Amino acid sequence: MQTFSEIRTNDNLYIDKTAYIYRMANSDGKYFFLSRPRRFGKSLLVSTLQSY
């Protein structure tokens, strides 16, 4: 599954352990550098921010 909305629609469980989504959404920053290795959830994190 690649999108946060798909996870929630199908009643799957998603646990975000970074705790940065709220801080990112409510900060004054313009740009954010998401440094995660390949296949480590960058697209899902961006999708979660979009759904938020």
PDB file of N, CA and C in Angstrom:
ATOM      1  N   MET A   1       0.843  -1.177   0.000  1.00  0.00           N
ATOM      2  CA  MET A   1       0.000   0.000   0.000  1.00  0.00           C
ATOM      3  C   MET A   1       0.886   1.237   0.000  1.00  0.00           C
ATOM      4  N   GLN A   2       0.543   2.174  -0.829  1.00  0.00           N
ATOM      5  CA  GLN A   2       1.396   3.336  -1.001  1.00  0.00           C
ATOM      6  C   GLN A   2       0.772   4.628  -0.497  1.00  0.00           C
ATOM      7  N   THR A   3      -0.518   4.636  -0.167  1.00  0.00           N
ATOM      8  CA  THR A   3      -1.131   5.883   0.263  1.00  0.00           C
ATOM      9  C   THR A   3      -1.777   5.728   1.632  1.00  0.00           C
ATOM     10  N   PHE A   4      -1.722   6.796   2.388  1.00  0.00           N
ATOM     11  CA  PHE A   4      -2.293   6.810   3.722  1.00  0.00           C
ATOM     12  C   PHE A   4      -3.801   6.611   3.674  1.00  0.00           C
ATOM     13  N   SER A   5      -4.474   7.242   2.716  1.00  0.00           N
ATOM     14  CA  SER A   5      -5.928   7.111   2.622  1.00  0.00           C
ATOM     15  C   SER A   5      -6.338   5.663   2.341  1.00  0.00           C
ATOM     16  N   GLU A   6      -5.558   4.939   1.543  1.00  0.00           N
ATOM     17  CA  GLU A   6      -5.852   3.533   1.265  1.00  0.00           C
ATOM     18  C   GLU A   6      -5.723   2.694   2.545  1.00  0.00           C
ATOM     19  N   ILE A   7      -4.742   2.972   3.341  1.00  0.00           N
ATOM     20  CA  ILE A   7      -4.565   2.256   4.606  1.00  0.00           C
ATOM     21  C   ILE A   7      -5.756   2.501   5.521  1.00  0.00           C
ATOM     22  N   ARG A   8      -6.180   3.753   5.631  1.00  0.00           N
ATOM     23  CA  ARG A   8      -7.294   4.090   6.528  1.00  0.00           C
ATOM     24  C   ARG A   8      -8.633   3.585   5.993  1.00  0.00           C
ATOM     25  N   THR A   9      -8.840   3.646   4.689  1.00  0.00           N
ATOM     26  CA  THR A   9     -10.094   3.193   4.090  1.00  0.00           C
ATOM     27  C   THR A   9     -10.300   1.695   4.298  1.00  0.00           C
ATOM     28  N   ASN A  10      -9.217   0.938   4.237  1.00  0.00           N
ATOM     29  CA  ASN A  10      -9.292  -0.514   4.394  1.00  0.00           C
ATOM     30  C   ASN A  10      -9.192  -0.956   5.849  1.00  0.00           C
ATOM     31  N   ASP A  11      -9.290  -0.016   6.786  1.00  0.00           N
ATOM     32  CA  ASP A  11      -9.204  -0.302   8.221  1.00  0.00           C
ATOM     33  C   ASP A  11      -7.916  -1.004   8.619  1.00  0.00           C
ATOM     34  N   ASN A  12      -6.834  -0.711   7.931  1.00  0.00           N
ATOM     35  CA  ASN A  12      -5.525  -1.219   8.326  1.00  0.00           C
ATOM     36  C   ASN A  12      -4.931  -0.295   9.373  1.00  0.00           C
ATOM     37  N   LEU A  13      -3.923  -0.750  10.027  1.00  0.00           N
ATOM     38  CA  LEU A  13      -3.282   0.029  11.084  1.00  0.00           C
ATOM     39  C   LEU A  13      -2.013   0.670  10.553  1.00  0.00           C
ATOM     40  N   TYR A  14      -1.865   1.948  10.804  1.00  0.00           N
ATOM     41  CA  TYR A  14      -0.652   2.683  10.428  1.00  0.00           C
ATOM     42  C   TYR A  14      -0.160   3.398  11.666  1.00  0.00           C
ATOM     43  N   ILE A  15       1.056   3.142  12.055  1.00  0.00           N
ATOM     44  CA  ILE A  15       1.638   3.797  13.221  1.00  0.00           C
ATOM     45  C   ILE A  15       2.837   4.599  12.757  1.00  0.00           C
ATOM     46  N   ASP A  16       2.754   5.881  12.923  1.00  0.00           N
ATOM     47  CA  ASP A  16       3.865   6.759  12.556  1.00  0.00           C
ATOM     48  C   ASP A  16       4.671   7.039  13.806  1.00  0.00           C
ATOM     49  N   LYS A  17       5.866   6.515  13.863  1.00  0.00           N
ATOM     50  CA  LYS A  17       6.695   6.656  15.050  1.00  0.00           C
ATOM     51  C   LYS A  17       7.589   7.896  15.002  1.00  0.00           C
ATOM     52  N   THR A  18       7.542   8.667  13.935  1.00  0.00           N
ATOM     53  CA  THR A  18       8.430   9.826  13.855  1.00  0.00           C
ATOM     54  C   THR A  18       7.916  11.022  14.642  1.00  0.00           C
ATOM     55  N   ALA A  19       6.609  11.151  14.782  1.00  0.00           N
ATOM     56  CA  ALA A  19       5.981  12.248  15.542  1.00  0.00           C
ATOM     57  C   ALA A  19       6.332  13.630  14.994  1.00  0.00           C
ATOM     58  N   TYR A  20       6.682  13.699  13.728  1.00  0.00           N
ATOM     59  CA  TYR A  20       7.045  14.982  13.128  1.00  0.00           C
ATOM     60  C   TYR A  20       5.946  15.552  12.239  1.00  0.00           C
ATOM     61  N   ILE A  21       4.930  14.789  11.917  1.00  0.00           N
ATOM     62  CA  ILE A  21       3.910  15.258  10.975  1.00  0.00           C
ATOM     63  C   ILE A  21       3.203  16.498  11.504  1.00  0.00           C
ATOM     64  N   TYR A  22       2.799  16.477  12.745  1.00  0.00           N
ATOM     65  CA  TYR A  22       2.129  17.645  13.321  1.00  0.00           C
ATOM     66  C   TYR A  22       3.068  18.846  13.349  1.00  0.00           C
ATOM     67  N   ARG A  23       4.304  18.627  13.747  1.00  0.00           N
ATOM     68  CA  ARG A  23       5.266  19.731  13.798  1.00  0.00           C
ATOM     69  C   ARG A  23       5.545  20.289  12.415  1.00  0.00           C
ATOM     70  N   MET A  24       5.641  19.420  11.414  1.00  0.00           N
ATOM     71  CA  MET A  24       5.883  19.888  10.047  1.00  0.00           C
ATOM     72  C   MET A  24       4.697  20.685   9.533  1.00  0.00           C
ATOM     73  N   ALA A  25       3.487  20.210   9.804  1.00  0.00           N
ATOM     74  CA  ALA A  25       2.285  20.862   9.295  1.00  0.00           C
ATOM     75  C   ALA A  25       2.029  22.203   9.963  1.00  0.00           C
ATOM     76  N   ASN A  26       2.493  22.369  11.178  1.00  0.00           N
ATOM     77  CA  ASN A  26       2.224  23.589  11.929  1.00  0.00           C
ATOM     78  C   ASN A  26       3.453  24.460  12.129  1.00  0.00           C
ATOM     79  N   SER A  27       4.458  24.270  11.307  1.00  0.00           N
ATOM     80  CA  SER A  27       5.654  25.100  11.424  1.00  0.00           C
ATOM     81  C   SER A  27       5.635  26.191  10.348  1.00  0.00           C
ATOM     82  N   ASP A  28       6.561  27.095  10.446  1.00  0.00           N
ATOM     83  CA  ASP A  28       6.675  28.173   9.474  1.00  0.00           C
ATOM     84  C   ASP A  28       7.646  27.824   8.338  1.00  0.00           C
ATOM     85  N   GLY A  29       8.153  26.584   8.333  1.00  0.00           N
ATOM     86  CA  GLY A  29       9.126  26.188   7.323  1.00  0.00           C
ATOM     87  C   GLY A  29       8.510  26.099   5.939  1.00  0.00           C
ATOM     88  N   LYS A  30       9.327  26.424   4.938  1.00  0.00           N
ATOM     89  CA  LYS A  30       8.876  26.338   3.551  1.00  0.00           C
ATOM     90  C   LYS A  30       9.296  25.019   2.914  1.00  0.00           C
ATOM     91  N   TYR A  31      10.487  24.538   3.255  1.00  0.00           N
ATOM     92  CA  TYR A  31      11.038  23.346   2.635  1.00  0.00           C
ATOM     93  C   TYR A  31      11.447  22.360   3.721  1.00  0.00           C
ATOM     94  N   PHE A  32      11.243  21.090   3.428  1.00  0.00           N
ATOM     95  CA  PHE A  32      11.629  20.035   4.356  1.00  0.00           C
ATOM     96  C   PHE A  32      12.404  18.975   3.594  1.00  0.00           C
ATOM     97  N   PHE A  33      13.497  18.540   4.160  1.00  0.00           N
ATOM     98  CA  PHE A  33      14.319  17.499   3.556  1.00  0.00           C
ATOM     99  C   PHE A  33      13.987  16.184   4.251  1.00  0.00           C
ATOM    100  N   LEU A  34      13.423  15.244   3.509  1.00  0.00           N
ATOM    101  CA  LEU A  34      13.036  13.950   4.066  1.00  0.00           C
ATOM    102  C   LEU A  34      14.125  12.937   3.744  1.00  0.00           C
ATOM    103  N   SER A  35      15.027  12.744   4.665  1.00  0.00           N
ATOM    104  CA  SER A  35      16.147  11.827   4.413  1.00  0.00           C
ATOM    105  C   SER A  35      15.819  10.454   4.990  1.00  0.00           C
ATOM    106  N   ARG A  36      15.402   9.592   4.117  1.00  0.00           N
ATOM    107  CA  ARG A  36      15.151   8.197   4.466  1.00  0.00           C
ATOM    108  C   ARG A  36      15.719   7.347   3.339  1.00  0.00           C
ATOM    109  N   PRO A  37      16.164   6.155   3.662  1.00  0.00           N
ATOM    110  CA  PRO A  37      16.706   5.286   2.608  1.00  0.00           C
ATOM    111  C   PRO A  37      15.642   4.854   1.604  1.00  0.00           C
ATOM    112  N   ARG A  38      16.096   4.272   0.519  1.00  0.00           N
ATOM    113  CA  ARG A  38      15.170   3.736  -0.491  1.00  0.00           C
ATOM    114  C   ARG A  38      14.177   2.783   0.142  1.00  0.00           C
ATOM    115  N   ARG A  39      12.943   2.826  -0.346  1.00  0.00           N
ATOM    116  CA  ARG A  39      11.878   1.919   0.087  1.00  0.00           C
ATOM    117  C   ARG A  39      11.646   1.988   1.602  1.00  0.00           C
ATOM    118  N   PHE A  40      11.733   3.195   2.140  1.00  0.00           N
ATOM    119  CA  PHE A  40      11.604   3.356   3.586  1.00  0.00           C
ATOM    120  C   PHE A  40      10.486   4.312   3.956  1.00  0.00           C
ATOM    121  N   GLY A  41       9.486   4.475   3.087  1.00  0.00           N
ATOM    122  CA  GLY A  41       8.288   5.184   3.463  1.00  0.00           C
ATOM    123  C   GLY A  41       8.219   6.665   3.147  1.00  0.00           C
ATOM    124  N   LYS A  42       9.045   7.171   2.245  1.00  0.00           N
ATOM    125  CA  LYS A  42       8.968   8.593   1.914  1.00  0.00           C
ATOM    126  C   LYS A  42       7.647   8.935   1.241  1.00  0.00           C
ATOM    127  N   SER A  43       7.225   8.111   0.284  1.00  0.00           N
ATOM    128  CA  SER A  43       5.969   8.378  -0.416  1.00  0.00           C
ATOM    129  C   SER A  43       4.783   8.290   0.535  1.00  0.00           C
ATOM    130  N   LEU A  44       4.815   7.334   1.441  1.00  0.00           N
ATOM    131  CA  LEU A  44       3.735   7.197   2.408  1.00  0.00           C
ATOM    132  C   LEU A  44       3.718   8.385   3.357  1.00  0.00           C
ATOM    133  N   LEU A  45       4.871   8.892   3.747  1.00  0.00           N
ATOM    134  CA  LEU A  45       4.928  10.074   4.614  1.00  0.00           C
ATOM    135  C   LEU A  45       4.345  11.290   3.903  1.00  0.00           C
ATOM    136  N   VAL A  46       4.689  11.480   2.641  1.00  0.00           N
ATOM    137  CA  VAL A  46       4.153  12.607   1.876  1.00  0.00           C
ATOM    138  C   VAL A  46       2.638  12.444   1.698  1.00  0.00           C
ATOM    139  N   SER A  47       2.180  11.240   1.449  1.00  0.00           N
ATOM    140  CA  SER A  47       0.749  10.982   1.320  1.00  0.00           C
ATOM    141  C   SER A  47       0.015  11.256   2.636  1.00  0.00           C
ATOM    142  N   THR A  48       0.646  10.926   3.745  1.00  0.00           N
ATOM    143  CA  THR A  48       0.064  11.194   5.053  1.00  0.00           C
ATOM    144  C   THR A  48      -0.061  12.695   5.288  1.00  0.00           C
ATOM    145  N   LEU A  49       0.960  13.441   4.917  1.00  0.00           N
ATOM    146  CA  LEU A  49       0.892  14.910   5.036  1.00  0.00           C
ATOM    147  C   LEU A  49      -0.224  15.462   4.162  1.00  0.00           C
ATOM    148  N   GLN A  50      -0.375  14.933   2.970  1.00  0.00           N
ATOM    149  CA  GLN A  50      -1.428  15.398   2.059  1.00  0.00           C
ATOM    150  C   GLN A  50      -2.799  15.102   2.647  1.00  0.00           C
ATOM    151  N   SER A  51      -2.981  13.927   3.227  1.00  0.00           N
ATOM    152  CA  SER A  51      -4.268  13.572   3.824  1.00  0.00           C
ATOM    153  C   SER A  51      -4.561  14.396   5.065  1.00  0.00           C
ATOM    154  N   TYR A  52      -3.510  14.743   5.801  1.00  0.00           N
ATOM    155  CA  TYR A  52      -3.664  15.536   7.012  1.00  0.00           C
ATOM    156  C   TYR A  52      -4.200  16.902   6.675  1.00  0.00           C
TER     157      TYR A  52
END
